[in-house]
Structures are given as structure tokens and as C-alpha cells.
Amino acid sequence: MNVTFRQLKLLEAVARNSSFTRASEELHLTQPAVSTQIKQLEQEVGMPLFEQMGKKIFLTEAGKEMYAFSRDIAQQFHDIESVLDNMKGVKSGTLSLAVTSTGKYFAPYLLAEFIKHHVGVQVHLEVTNREELVAQLQENIPDMAIMGTPPGNLELTAQAFMQNPLVIIARPDHPLAKASRIPLDRLVEENFILRESGSGTRNAVERFFKERGLKLNTSMEMGRNEAIKHAVMAGLGLGIVSLHTLEFELALNRIAILSVEGFPIMKEWYLVHRSSKRLSPIAQAFHDFVLNEANRVVTLPQPRPASRSARRVTRS
């Protein structure tokens, strides 16, 4: 069987993206070129590696076996490059970073500052939800990831590097917007728009209120912070989001942060990678940069000062 490393690399990209188009964009190739290489690989194997159902493609059983081998081989080549780069003292290379959707609000600033000192680095940044990010870590795909609480069922090296305050938001004209020290049990009267079940933010919020014997009225679930903020601005209810997501809305006075007892919920951001992963020189440099410089580079948005007429709300 005459199979090339290039074909295996293309197979890995198509399988990981579940798309010929996205794989071709990632590898800077045309889609016909990718399709031709995969067809040639299937001819060498003697079996189809992908099957199409509607607009989606899936690995066949033979494809799953080839995909597993292709990932192992790609990792070995990556390790060889890391060893040689270490020997040569190379300060450039490729960094593969995955971040949860909330992390997109500050990760580009970290990367911009890092690249100033490593002008030769190429970055592949993927923004995704927690479920997909955990799946990528399980498959050992990114060099490292930025996320909230790491999963406990994987062998990971995780280091906290920055706080992630969760705050309750409302329209500026909401009756509670000018109140202070709002008791938690007052919130059960309100409708909440929250992140989807399983997200890091949703898990933290539910755990916080459950520990205090309270349950919020979740009127809507949304998979993106932007959608939650727009729903809050439209007057559909209150929301709970990371303070990192609110820079523009606070500056434009489109959203108010409520003064609630026990808030903000203080979480942390973690830099995570598989414990067995050999970090390349550039990945190690980024790792050290984040742990040492993140709090200098990333600043939290500042809420507007509370009104002098703010009043304490008591439950009637």
C-alpha cells in the first residue's frame, strides 16, 4: 500500500473538521485538490473512508482506523519537530490554541502581545464550546486550551492564570439596576436568560444557587454570550455572563451590572494541555507568557459607578 504522509494529513484534517471545505481552508488548498488526494488514498486502501449523509460526511469503519493511525503519525512528526527545534533553539513555529467561546474576548489580546516578541510564530486559534473543546483535548488535537474548570476525567495539566468574574446583567432601566445589595432570594421573581446546559458558566451558576437552596426561573437558554446580551438589552430578562464579555456594552451604557449579595461568582481561567503532551518550544513560550503576563495584558471592563440614589432591596 503506497500511502503518503500528505494524504494522511489531509485525511486527519477532513475527519477533524467533518468537512472538505473547512479542511481545505485550514491547509490553504483548494477543495478539489483535497478531494483528489482523499480519492487516491481510498484507492490505495481499497475501501471508502468517508460516507455522505445529506450535507454531512462521516468516517466509515475503515476511515476511523486510518484516522487513528494518521493522528498517531502526525503526533510523532510533531514530536520530532519539537526535539529538533529545541536542539536548534528555534523561536518560531506553529501554535495551535483552542478556547471556549467566552475566552474569545481576551485570547486575541494575549496572542497579539505574545506575537510582538515572537514575530515568526503562526497561530491556529479555534473558538468553540466547552463540549467540543473537551473532545479536542481528548483527541490531543490542540497544543493547549484556555477554558474554565477543566474536566476531571482526562489526564490534564491545568494551571489557573486569571480570574473570571460572573456577574448578573440587566437593562439600565430595569427596576433593580439602581438598587444595591439585592438579596439572592429576590432574584427568584425574575426571568433569566442563561447559557446552555453543560457550559462552564451554566454549571457554575447552577452550583452556586443550589448550594444556597435557590432555583432560578430560566426562561430562555442560549448558546452564545452575544445572544444573551442582546436578549437582556431587549428586556427579555436578566442574564449571567462573564465580566470579560461586557466591555462595549458597559462603555455604551447598554447594560447594567446588578449589585447582588454573593456576586460576582469568582471563577478562574485555566491553561490546559494533555499531561503526556510534549510542548514545542513556541508552545512552551506561550505557556510561560500566559502564566506570567496575562493579568498585565488583559484588563477587566469597569462598571459604571452606582447611582447615589441606589437603595437596598429587601424581599417583601
C-alpha atoms as a PDB file:
ATOM      1  CA  MET A   1       0.000   0.000   0.000  1.00  0.00           C
ATOM      2  CA  ASN A   2       1.578   3.254  -1.188  1.00  0.00           C
ATOM      3  CA  VAL A   3       0.201   5.887   1.221  1.00  0.00           C
ATOM      4  CA  THR A   4       1.860   9.279   1.649  1.00  0.00           C
ATOM      5  CA  PHE A   5       2.112  11.390   4.784  1.00  0.00           C
ATOM      6  CA  ARG A   6       0.428  14.226   2.867  1.00  0.00           C
ATOM      7  CA  GLN A   7      -2.617  12.040   2.274  1.00  0.00           C
ATOM      8  CA  LEU A   8      -2.779  11.059   5.935  1.00  0.00           C
ATOM      9  CA  LYS A   9      -2.511  14.725   6.928  1.00  0.00           C
ATOM     10  CA  LEU A  10      -5.406  15.575   4.623  1.00  0.00           C
ATOM     11  CA  LEU A  11      -7.445  12.678   5.993  1.00  0.00           C
ATOM     12  CA  GLU A  12      -6.874  13.908   9.555  1.00  0.00           C
ATOM     13  CA  ALA A  13      -7.948  17.460   8.669  1.00  0.00           C
ATOM     14  CA  VAL A  14     -11.101  16.372   6.823  1.00  0.00           C
ATOM     15  CA  ALA A  15     -12.111  13.987   9.619  1.00  0.00           C
ATOM     16  CA  ARG A  16     -11.456  16.520  12.372  1.00  0.00           C
ATOM     17  CA  ASN A  17     -13.406  19.260  10.590  1.00  0.00           C
ATOM     18  CA  SER A  18     -16.094  16.908   9.210  1.00  0.00           C
ATOM     19  CA  SER A  19     -15.798  18.973   6.063  1.00  0.00           C
ATOM     20  CA  PHE A  20     -13.704  19.003   2.878  1.00  0.00           C
ATOM     21  CA  THR A  21     -14.225  22.768   2.620  1.00  0.00           C
ATOM     22  CA  ARG A  22     -13.013  23.619   6.118  1.00  0.00           C
ATOM     23  CA  ALA A  23     -10.073  21.238   5.777  1.00  0.00           C
ATOM     24  CA  SER A  24      -9.011  22.857   2.504  1.00  0.00           C
ATOM     25  CA  GLU A  25      -9.231  26.326   4.081  1.00  0.00           C
ATOM     26  CA  GLU A  26      -7.175  25.209   7.088  1.00  0.00           C
ATOM     27  CA  LEU A  27      -4.456  23.725   4.884  1.00  0.00           C
ATOM     28  CA  HIS A  28      -4.582  26.549   2.289  1.00  0.00           C
ATOM     29  CA  LEU A  29      -5.526  24.182  -0.530  1.00  0.00           C
ATOM     30  CA  THR A  30      -8.385  24.079  -2.994  1.00  0.00           C
ATOM     31  CA  GLN A  31     -11.259  21.744  -2.219  1.00  0.00           C
ATOM     32  CA  PRO A  32     -10.764  19.748  -5.487  1.00  0.00           C
ATOM     33  CA  ALA A  33      -7.123  19.147  -4.519  1.00  0.00           C
ATOM     34  CA  VAL A  34      -8.166  17.763  -1.137  1.00  0.00           C
ATOM     35  CA  SER A  35     -10.908  15.601  -2.691  1.00  0.00           C
ATOM     36  CA  THR A  36      -8.490  14.199  -5.269  1.00  0.00           C
ATOM     37  CA  GLN A  37      -5.932  13.211  -2.625  1.00  0.00           C
ATOM     38  CA  ILE A  38      -8.612  11.518  -0.496  1.00  0.00           C
ATOM     39  CA  LYS A  39      -9.884   9.576  -3.526  1.00  0.00           C
ATOM     40  CA  GLN A  40      -6.346   8.417  -4.280  1.00  0.00           C
ATOM     41  CA  LEU A  41      -5.963   7.332  -0.653  1.00  0.00           C
ATOM     42  CA  GLU A  42      -9.232   5.380  -0.850  1.00  0.00           C
ATOM     43  CA  GLN A  43      -7.976   3.651  -3.997  1.00  0.00           C
ATOM     44  CA  GLU A  44      -4.794   2.622  -2.185  1.00  0.00           C
ATOM     45  CA  VAL A  45      -6.758   1.360   0.818  1.00  0.00           C
ATOM     46  CA  GLY A  46      -9.305  -0.376  -1.381  1.00  0.00           C
ATOM     47  CA  MET A  47     -12.265   0.850   0.666  1.00  0.00           C
ATOM     48  CA  PRO A  48     -14.203   4.110   1.090  1.00  0.00           C
ATOM     49  CA  LEU A  49     -13.037   6.202   4.022  1.00  0.00           C
ATOM     50  CA  PHE A  50     -15.921   8.686   4.120  1.00  0.00           C
ATOM     51  CA  GLU A  51     -19.636   8.455   3.507  1.00  0.00           C
ATOM     52  CA  GLN A  52     -22.020  11.329   2.934  1.00  0.00           C
ATOM     53  CA  MET A  53     -25.455  11.621   4.521  1.00  0.00           C
ATOM     54  CA  GLY A  54     -27.256  14.718   3.362  1.00  0.00           C
ATOM     55  CA  LYS A  55     -24.796  17.583   3.611  1.00  0.00           C
ATOM     56  CA  LYS A  56     -22.663  15.910   6.300  1.00  0.00           C
ATOM     57  CA  ILE A  57     -19.766  13.499   5.904  1.00  0.00           C
ATOM     58  CA  PHE A  58     -18.852  10.708   8.307  1.00  0.00           C
ATOM     59  CA  LEU A  59     -15.930   8.315   8.636  1.00  0.00           C
ATOM     60  CA  THR A  60     -16.540   4.721   7.632  1.00  0.00           C
ATOM     61  CA  GLU A  61     -15.155   1.937   9.820  1.00  0.00           C
ATOM     62  CA  ALA A  62     -12.074   1.805   7.600  1.00  0.00           C
ATOM     63  CA  GLY A  63     -11.852   5.606   7.803  1.00  0.00           C
ATOM     64  CA  LYS A  64     -11.912   5.512  11.603  1.00  0.00           C
ATOM     65  CA  GLU A  65      -8.971   3.099  11.628  1.00  0.00           C
ATOM     66  CA  MET A  66      -6.998   5.231   9.177  1.00  0.00           C
ATOM     67  CA  TYR A  67      -7.850   8.376  11.139  1.00  0.00           C
ATOM     68  CA  ALA A  68      -6.471   6.846  14.345  1.00  0.00           C
ATOM     69  CA  PHE A  69      -3.204   5.953  12.591  1.00  0.00           C
ATOM     70  CA  SER A  70      -2.977   9.369  10.934  1.00  0.00           C
ATOM     71  CA  ARG A  71      -3.291  11.159  14.284  1.00  0.00           C
ATOM     72  CA  ASP A  72      -0.598   8.980  15.847  1.00  0.00           C
ATOM     73  CA  ILE A  73       1.765   9.545  12.930  1.00  0.00           C
ATOM     74  CA  ALA A  74       1.095  13.305  12.911  1.00  0.00           C
ATOM     75  CA  GLN A  75       1.862  13.481  16.631  1.00  0.00           C
ATOM     76  CA  GLN A  76       5.146  11.625  16.111  1.00  0.00           C
ATOM     77  CA  PHE A  77       6.178  14.087  13.410  1.00  0.00           C
ATOM     78  CA  HIS A  78       5.209  16.955  15.720  1.00  0.00           C
ATOM     79  CA  ASP A  79       7.387  15.463  18.464  1.00  0.00           C
ATOM     80  CA  ILE A  80      10.319  15.116  16.069  1.00  0.00           C
ATOM     81  CA  GLU A  81       9.975  18.791  15.086  1.00  0.00           C
ATOM     82  CA  SER A  82       9.878  19.776  18.766  1.00  0.00           C
ATOM     83  CA  VAL A  83      13.076  17.854  19.521  1.00  0.00           C
ATOM     84  CA  LEU A  84      14.916  19.357  16.553  1.00  0.00           C
ATOM     85  CA  ASP A  85      13.630  22.857  17.324  1.00  0.00           C
ATOM     86  CA  ASN A  86      14.880  22.510  20.885  1.00  0.00           C
ATOM     87  CA  MET A  87      18.294  21.476  19.587  1.00  0.00           C
ATOM     88  CA  LYS A  88      18.399  24.459  17.230  1.00  0.00           C
ATOM     89  CA  GLY A  89      16.938  26.925  19.713  1.00  0.00           C
ATOM     90  CA  VAL A  90      14.220  27.944  17.246  1.00  0.00           C
ATOM     91  CA  LYS A  91      11.965  30.753  18.456  1.00  0.00           C
ATOM     92  CA  SER A  92       9.310  30.438  15.783  1.00  0.00           C
ATOM     93  CA  GLY A  93       6.841  27.761  14.842  1.00  0.00           C
ATOM     94  CA  THR A  94       3.140  26.976  14.867  1.00  0.00           C
ATOM     95  CA  LEU A  95       0.878  27.277  17.893  1.00  0.00           C
ATOM     96  CA  SER A  96      -2.486  25.506  17.987  1.00  0.00           C
ATOM     97  CA  LEU A  97      -4.781  27.027  20.606  1.00  0.00           C
ATOM     98  CA  ALA A  98      -8.409  26.212  21.405  1.00  0.00           C
ATOM     99  CA  VAL A  99     -10.522  28.484  23.614  1.00  0.00           C
ATOM    100  CA  THR A 100     -14.069  28.371  24.907  1.00  0.00           C
ATOM    101  CA  SER A 101     -16.477  30.904  23.441  1.00  0.00           C
ATOM    102  CA  THR A 102     -16.090  33.318  26.377  1.00  0.00           C
ATOM    103  CA  GLY A 103     -12.304  33.157  26.020  1.00  0.00           C
ATOM    104  CA  LYS A 104     -12.508  34.823  22.605  1.00  0.00           C
ATOM    105  CA  TYR A 105     -12.980  38.181  24.353  1.00  0.00           C
ATOM    106  CA  PHE A 106      -9.416  38.232  25.664  1.00  0.00           C
ATOM    107  CA  ALA A 107      -7.421  35.474  23.900  1.00  0.00           C
ATOM    108  CA  PRO A 108      -6.662  37.662  20.835  1.00  0.00           C
ATOM    109  CA  TYR A 109      -5.081  40.288  23.113  1.00  0.00           C
ATOM    110  CA  LEU A 110      -2.842  37.659  24.692  1.00  0.00           C
ATOM    111  CA  LEU A 111      -1.842  36.389  21.249  1.00  0.00           C
ATOM    112  CA  ALA A 112      -1.189  39.895  19.914  1.00  0.00           C
ATOM    113  CA  GLU A 113       1.165  40.693  22.791  1.00  0.00           C
ATOM    114  CA  PHE A 114       2.871  37.309  22.503  1.00  0.00           C
ATOM    115  CA  ILE A 115       3.429  37.651  18.747  1.00  0.00           C
ATOM    116  CA  LYS A 116       5.145  41.019  19.281  1.00  0.00           C
ATOM    117  CA  HIS A 117       8.006  39.069  20.846  1.00  0.00           C
ATOM    118  CA  HIS A 118       7.776  36.021  18.551  1.00  0.00           C
ATOM    119  CA  VAL A 119       7.272  37.507  15.111  1.00  0.00           C
ATOM    120  CA  GLY A 120       7.820  34.210  13.302  1.00  0.00           C
ATOM    121  CA  VAL A 121       5.021  32.318  15.020  1.00  0.00           C
ATOM    122  CA  GLN A 122       1.938  31.137  13.148  1.00  0.00           C
ATOM    123  CA  VAL A 123      -1.225  30.673  15.213  1.00  0.00           C
ATOM    124  CA  HIS A 124      -4.205  28.426  14.657  1.00  0.00           C
ATOM    125  CA  LEU A 125      -6.931  29.673  17.017  1.00  0.00           C
ATOM    126  CA  GLU A 126     -10.208  27.791  17.336  1.00  0.00           C
ATOM    127  CA  VAL A 127     -13.131  29.158  19.334  1.00  0.00           C
ATOM    128  CA  THR A 128     -15.653  26.538  20.358  1.00  0.00           C
ATOM    129  CA  ASN A 129     -17.990  25.473  23.150  1.00  0.00           C
ATOM    130  CA  ARG A 130     -16.899  23.532  26.209  1.00  0.00           C
ATOM    131  CA  GLU A 131     -18.154  20.165  24.950  1.00  0.00           C
ATOM    132  CA  GLU A 132     -16.223  20.375  21.679  1.00  0.00           C
ATOM    133  CA  LEU A 133     -13.120  21.708  23.406  1.00  0.00           C
ATOM    134  CA  VAL A 134     -13.092  18.757  25.823  1.00  0.00           C
ATOM    135  CA  ALA A 135     -13.470  16.411  22.840  1.00  0.00           C
ATOM    136  CA  GLN A 136     -10.466  18.059  21.169  1.00  0.00           C
ATOM    137  CA  LEU A 137      -8.395  17.662  24.330  1.00  0.00           C
ATOM    138  CA  GLN A 138      -9.399  14.015  24.476  1.00  0.00           C
ATOM    139  CA  GLU A 139      -8.120  13.588  20.924  1.00  0.00           C
ATOM    140  CA  ASN A 140      -4.943  15.548  21.795  1.00  0.00           C
ATOM    141  CA  ILE A 141      -5.578  17.980  18.931  1.00  0.00           C
ATOM    142  CA  PRO A 142      -4.574  21.466  20.205  1.00  0.00           C
ATOM    143  CA  ASP A 143      -1.223  22.292  21.769  1.00  0.00           C
ATOM    144  CA  MET A 144      -3.186  23.766  24.647  1.00  0.00           C
ATOM    145  CA  ALA A 145      -6.557  25.212  25.548  1.00  0.00           C
ATOM    146  CA  ILE A 146      -7.969  28.099  27.548  1.00  0.00           C
ATOM    147  CA  MET A 147     -11.107  27.191  29.462  1.00  0.00           C
ATOM    148  CA  GLY A 148     -12.936  27.384  32.773  1.00  0.00           C
ATOM    149  CA  THR A 149     -12.964  24.450  35.178  1.00  0.00           C
ATOM    150  CA  PRO A 150     -11.085  21.568  33.444  1.00  0.00           C
ATOM    151  CA  PRO A 151     -12.814  18.171  33.153  1.00  0.00           C
ATOM    152  CA  GLY A 152     -11.852  15.622  35.757  1.00  0.00           C
ATOM    153  CA  ASN A 153     -11.960  12.563  33.505  1.00  0.00           C
ATOM    154  CA  LEU A 154      -8.841  13.343  31.432  1.00  0.00           C
ATOM    155  CA  GLU A 155      -5.154  13.334  32.321  1.00  0.00           C
ATOM    156  CA  LEU A 156      -4.530  17.054  32.023  1.00  0.00           C
ATOM    157  CA  THR A 157      -2.061  19.627  33.234  1.00  0.00           C
ATOM    158  CA  ALA A 158      -4.135  22.684  34.182  1.00  0.00           C
ATOM    159  CA  GLN A 159      -2.907  25.940  35.694  1.00  0.00           C
ATOM    160  CA  ALA A 160      -5.072  28.874  36.716  1.00  0.00           C
ATOM    161  CA  PHE A 161      -3.804  32.187  35.362  1.00  0.00           C
ATOM    162  CA  MET A 162      -6.598  34.781  35.678  1.00  0.00           C
ATOM    163  CA  GLN A 163      -9.876  35.398  37.464  1.00  0.00           C
ATOM    164  CA  ASN A 164     -13.205  35.117  35.619  1.00  0.00           C
ATOM    165  CA  PRO A 165     -15.955  37.018  37.476  1.00  0.00           C
ATOM    166  CA  LEU A 166     -19.552  36.081  36.609  1.00  0.00           C
ATOM    167  CA  VAL A 167     -21.994  38.974  37.006  1.00  0.00           C
ATOM    168  CA  ILE A 168     -25.746  39.485  36.737  1.00  0.00           C
ATOM    169  CA  ILE A 169     -26.772  41.910  33.994  1.00  0.00           C
ATOM    170  CA  ALA A 170     -29.936  43.862  33.206  1.00  0.00           C
ATOM    171  CA  ARG A 171     -31.144  46.726  31.059  1.00  0.00           C
ATOM    172  CA  PRO A 172     -30.111  50.067  32.572  1.00  0.00           C
ATOM    173  CA  ASP A 173     -33.803  50.948  33.064  1.00  0.00           C
ATOM    174  CA  HIS A 174     -34.614  47.700  34.908  1.00  0.00           C
ATOM    175  CA  PRO A 175     -36.138  48.326  38.385  1.00  0.00           C
ATOM    176  CA  LEU A 176     -33.179  46.571  40.035  1.00  0.00           C
ATOM    177  CA  ALA A 177     -30.482  48.417  38.086  1.00  0.00           C
ATOM    178  CA  LYS A 178     -30.081  51.216  40.662  1.00  0.00           C
ATOM    179  CA  ALA A 179     -30.560  49.017  43.715  1.00  0.00           C
ATOM    180  CA  SER A 180     -27.726  47.880  45.968  1.00  0.00           C
ATOM    181  CA  ARG A 181     -27.117  44.656  47.871  1.00  0.00           C
ATOM    182  CA  ILE A 182     -30.041  42.857  46.270  1.00  0.00           C
ATOM    183  CA  PRO A 183     -30.769  39.682  48.275  1.00  0.00           C
ATOM    184  CA  LEU A 184     -30.418  36.429  46.353  1.00  0.00           C
ATOM    185  CA  ASP A 185     -33.949  35.269  47.099  1.00  0.00           C
ATOM    186  CA  ARG A 186     -35.290  38.396  45.363  1.00  0.00           C
ATOM    187  CA  LEU A 187     -33.941  37.019  42.106  1.00  0.00           C
ATOM    188  CA  VAL A 188     -36.342  34.068  42.024  1.00  0.00           C
ATOM    189  CA  GLU A 189     -39.030  36.545  40.949  1.00  0.00           C
ATOM    190  CA  GLU A 190     -37.118  37.379  37.753  1.00  0.00           C
ATOM    191  CA  ASN A 191     -36.783  35.626  34.406  1.00  0.00           C
ATOM    192  CA  PHE A 192     -33.241  34.627  33.468  1.00  0.00           C
ATOM    193  CA  ILE A 193     -31.572  34.052  30.099  1.00  0.00           C
ATOM    194  CA  LEU A 194     -28.699  31.616  30.680  1.00  0.00           C
ATOM    195  CA  ARG A 195     -26.088  29.700  28.717  1.00  0.00           C
ATOM    196  CA  GLU A 196     -26.917  26.201  27.521  1.00  0.00           C
ATOM    197  CA  SER A 197     -26.805  23.246  29.903  1.00  0.00           C
ATOM    198  CA  GLY A 198     -23.289  21.835  30.172  1.00  0.00           C
ATOM    199  CA  SER A 199     -21.486  25.130  29.579  1.00  0.00           C
ATOM    200  CA  GLY A 200     -18.941  26.190  32.173  1.00  0.00           C
ATOM    201  CA  THR A 201     -20.899  29.327  33.067  1.00  0.00           C
ATOM    202  CA  ARG A 202     -24.182  27.430  33.441  1.00  0.00           C
ATOM    203  CA  ASN A 203     -22.546  24.782  35.646  1.00  0.00           C
ATOM    204  CA  ALA A 204     -21.075  27.433  37.955  1.00  0.00           C
ATOM    205  CA  VAL A 205     -24.363  29.345  38.218  1.00  0.00           C
ATOM    206  CA  GLU A 206     -26.449  26.263  38.969  1.00  0.00           C
ATOM    207  CA  ARG A 207     -23.952  25.058  41.560  1.00  0.00           C
ATOM    208  CA  PHE A 208     -23.901  28.491  43.256  1.00  0.00           C
ATOM    209  CA  PHE A 209     -27.686  28.727  43.641  1.00  0.00           C
ATOM    210  CA  LYS A 210     -28.157  25.055  44.523  1.00  0.00           C
ATOM    211  CA  GLU A 211     -25.724  25.416  47.421  1.00  0.00           C
ATOM    212  CA  ARG A 212     -27.956  28.212  48.732  1.00  0.00           C
ATOM    213  CA  GLY A 213     -31.199  26.305  48.274  1.00  0.00           C
ATOM    214  CA  LEU A 214     -32.449  28.520  45.436  1.00  0.00           C
ATOM    215  CA  LYS A 215     -33.517  27.847  41.861  1.00  0.00           C
ATOM    216  CA  LEU A 216     -33.659  30.481  39.139  1.00  0.00           C
ATOM    217  CA  ASN A 217     -36.509  30.758  36.664  1.00  0.00           C
ATOM    218  CA  THR A 218     -34.721  30.055  33.385  1.00  0.00           C
ATOM    219  CA  SER A 219     -36.998  31.445  30.692  1.00  0.00           C
ATOM    220  CA  MET A 220     -34.508  31.082  27.826  1.00  0.00           C
ATOM    221  CA  GLU A 221     -31.287  29.194  27.035  1.00  0.00           C
ATOM    222  CA  MET A 222     -28.774  30.490  24.513  1.00  0.00           C
ATOM    223  CA  GLY A 223     -25.514  29.084  23.208  1.00  0.00           C
ATOM    224  CA  ARG A 224     -23.687  32.405  22.812  1.00  0.00           C
ATOM    225  CA  ASN A 225     -22.913  35.277  25.148  1.00  0.00           C
ATOM    226  CA  GLU A 226     -23.784  37.777  22.419  1.00  0.00           C
ATOM    227  CA  ALA A 227     -27.290  36.337  22.174  1.00  0.00           C
ATOM    228  CA  ILE A 228     -27.755  36.592  25.947  1.00  0.00           C
ATOM    229  CA  LYS A 229     -26.630  40.218  25.985  1.00  0.00           C
ATOM    230  CA  HIS A 230     -28.984  41.172  23.163  1.00  0.00           C
ATOM    231  CA  ALA A 231     -31.882  39.378  24.875  1.00  0.00           C
ATOM    232  CA  VAL A 232     -31.153  41.307  28.086  1.00  0.00           C
ATOM    233  CA  MET A 233     -30.947  44.599  26.171  1.00  0.00           C
ATOM    234  CA  ALA A 234     -34.297  43.755  24.570  1.00  0.00           C
ATOM    235  CA  GLY A 235     -35.848  43.444  28.026  1.00  0.00           C
ATOM    236  CA  LEU A 236     -36.468  39.691  27.984  1.00  0.00           C
ATOM    237  CA  GLY A 237     -34.966  39.179  31.433  1.00  0.00           C
ATOM    238  CA  LEU A 238     -31.742  39.131  33.423  1.00  0.00           C
ATOM    239  CA  GLY A 239     -28.569  37.329  32.369  1.00  0.00           C
ATOM    240  CA  ILE A 240     -25.423  35.955  33.978  1.00  0.00           C
ATOM    241  CA  VAL A 241     -22.218  36.278  31.954  1.00  0.00           C
ATOM    242  CA  SER A 242     -18.500  36.729  32.403  1.00  0.00           C
ATOM    243  CA  LEU A 243     -17.411  40.290  33.065  1.00  0.00           C
ATOM    244  CA  HIS A 244     -14.863  39.798  30.258  1.00  0.00           C
ATOM    245  CA  THR A 245     -17.724  39.875  27.719  1.00  0.00           C
ATOM    246  CA  LEU A 246     -19.104  43.314  28.623  1.00  0.00           C
ATOM    247  CA  GLU A 247     -16.521  45.906  27.539  1.00  0.00           C
ATOM    248  CA  PHE A 248     -18.535  47.594  24.782  1.00  0.00           C
ATOM    249  CA  GLU A 249     -21.967  47.288  26.398  1.00  0.00           C
ATOM    250  CA  LEU A 250     -20.742  48.933  29.605  1.00  0.00           C
ATOM    251  CA  ALA A 251     -18.938  51.687  27.709  1.00  0.00           C
ATOM    252  CA  LEU A 252     -22.123  52.469  25.758  1.00  0.00           C
ATOM    253  CA  ASN A 253     -24.366  52.145  28.833  1.00  0.00           C
ATOM    254  CA  ARG A 254     -26.418  49.448  27.101  1.00  0.00           C
ATOM    255  CA  ILE A 255     -26.199  47.045  30.043  1.00  0.00           C
ATOM    256  CA  ALA A 256     -26.048  47.447  33.818  1.00  0.00           C
ATOM    257  CA  ILE A 257     -24.373  45.107  36.307  1.00  0.00           C
ATOM    258  CA  LEU A 258     -26.621  44.418  39.285  1.00  0.00           C
ATOM    259  CA  SER A 259     -25.364  44.713  42.849  1.00  0.00           C
ATOM    260  CA  VAL A 260     -26.352  41.305  44.242  1.00  0.00           C
ATOM    261  CA  GLU A 261     -25.268  39.731  47.502  1.00  0.00           C
ATOM    262  CA  GLY A 262     -22.725  36.994  46.859  1.00  0.00           C
ATOM    263  CA  PHE A 263     -21.837  38.274  43.387  1.00  0.00           C
ATOM    264  CA  PRO A 264     -19.726  38.217  41.370  1.00  0.00           C
ATOM    265  CA  ILE A 265     -19.198  34.462  41.319  1.00  0.00           C
ATOM    266  CA  MET A 266     -15.425  34.204  41.131  1.00  0.00           C
ATOM    267  CA  LYS A 267     -14.204  31.552  38.726  1.00  0.00           C
ATOM    268  CA  GLU A 268     -10.765  31.172  37.180  1.00  0.00           C
ATOM    269  CA  TRP A 269      -9.359  30.737  33.701  1.00  0.00           C
ATOM    270  CA  TYR A 270      -7.094  27.745  33.156  1.00  0.00           C
ATOM    271  CA  LEU A 271      -4.368  26.997  30.638  1.00  0.00           C
ATOM    272  CA  VAL A 272      -4.710  23.294  29.866  1.00  0.00           C
ATOM    273  CA  HIS A 273      -2.911  20.601  27.878  1.00  0.00           C
ATOM    274  CA  ARG A 274      -2.668  16.840  27.926  1.00  0.00           C
ATOM    275  CA  SER A 275      -0.241  15.700  30.611  1.00  0.00           C
ATOM    276  CA  SER A 276       1.580  13.428  28.160  1.00  0.00           C
ATOM    277  CA  LYS A 277       1.953  16.127  25.510  1.00  0.00           C
ATOM    278  CA  ARG A 278       5.448  17.307  24.615  1.00  0.00           C
ATOM    279  CA  LEU A 279       5.163  21.060  24.198  1.00  0.00           C
ATOM    280  CA  SER A 280       7.061  22.588  21.311  1.00  0.00           C
ATOM    281  CA  PRO A 281       9.419  25.490  22.136  1.00  0.00           C
ATOM    282  CA  ILE A 282       6.853  28.026  20.928  1.00  0.00           C
ATOM    283  CA  ALA A 283       4.026  26.345  22.854  1.00  0.00           C
ATOM    284  CA  GLN A 284       6.176  26.332  25.999  1.00  0.00           C
ATOM    285  CA  ALA A 285       6.974  30.003  25.445  1.00  0.00           C
ATOM    286  CA  PHE A 286       3.266  30.819  25.139  1.00  0.00           C
ATOM    287  CA  HIS A 287       2.530  28.746  28.242  1.00  0.00           C
ATOM    288  CA  ASP A 288       5.081  30.723  30.279  1.00  0.00           C
ATOM    289  CA  PHE A 289       3.910  34.032  28.810  1.00  0.00           C
ATOM    290  CA  VAL A 290       0.264  33.436  29.772  1.00  0.00           C
ATOM    291  CA  LEU A 291       1.077  32.380  33.331  1.00  0.00           C
ATOM    292  CA  ASN A 292       3.360  35.378  33.894  1.00  0.00           C
ATOM    293  CA  GLU A 293       1.783  38.160  31.834  1.00  0.00           C
ATOM    294  CA  ALA A 294      -1.961  37.543  31.411  1.00  0.00           C
ATOM    295  CA  ASN A 295      -3.011  39.795  34.278  1.00  0.00           C
ATOM    296  CA  ARG A 296      -0.894  42.604  32.872  1.00  0.00           C
ATOM    297  CA  VAL A 297      -2.166  42.280  29.311  1.00  0.00           C
ATOM    298  CA  VAL A 298      -5.865  41.636  29.970  1.00  0.00           C
ATOM    299  CA  THR A 299      -7.853  44.225  31.917  1.00  0.00           C
ATOM    300  CA  LEU A 300     -11.441  43.742  33.078  1.00  0.00           C
ATOM    301  CA  PRO A 301     -14.146  46.158  31.898  1.00  0.00           C
ATOM    302  CA  GLN A 302     -15.117  48.663  34.554  1.00  0.00           C
ATOM    303  CA  PRO A 303     -18.803  49.000  35.539  1.00  0.00           C
ATOM    304  CA  ARG A 304     -20.238  52.487  35.735  1.00  0.00           C
ATOM    305  CA  PRO A 305     -20.325  53.942  39.267  1.00  0.00           C
ATOM    306  CA  ALA A 306     -23.550  53.161  41.147  1.00  0.00           C
ATOM    307  CA  SER A 307     -26.116  55.942  41.375  1.00  0.00           C
ATOM    308  CA  ARG A 308     -26.140  57.967  44.603  1.00  0.00           C
ATOM    309  CA  SER A 309     -29.827  57.188  44.870  1.00  0.00           C
ATOM    310  CA  ALA A 310     -29.137  53.448  44.958  1.00  0.00           C
ATOM    311  CA  ARG A 311     -31.281  51.713  47.514  1.00  0.00           C
ATOM    312  CA  ARG A 312     -31.042  48.381  49.213  1.00  0.00           C
ATOM    313  CA  VAL A 313     -33.712  45.966  48.041  1.00  0.00           C
ATOM    314  CA  THR A 314     -35.450  43.775  50.597  1.00  0.00           C
ATOM    315  CA  ARG A 315     -37.733  40.905  49.862  1.00  0.00           C
ATOM    316  CA  SER A 316     -41.357  41.808  50.593  1.00  0.00           C
END
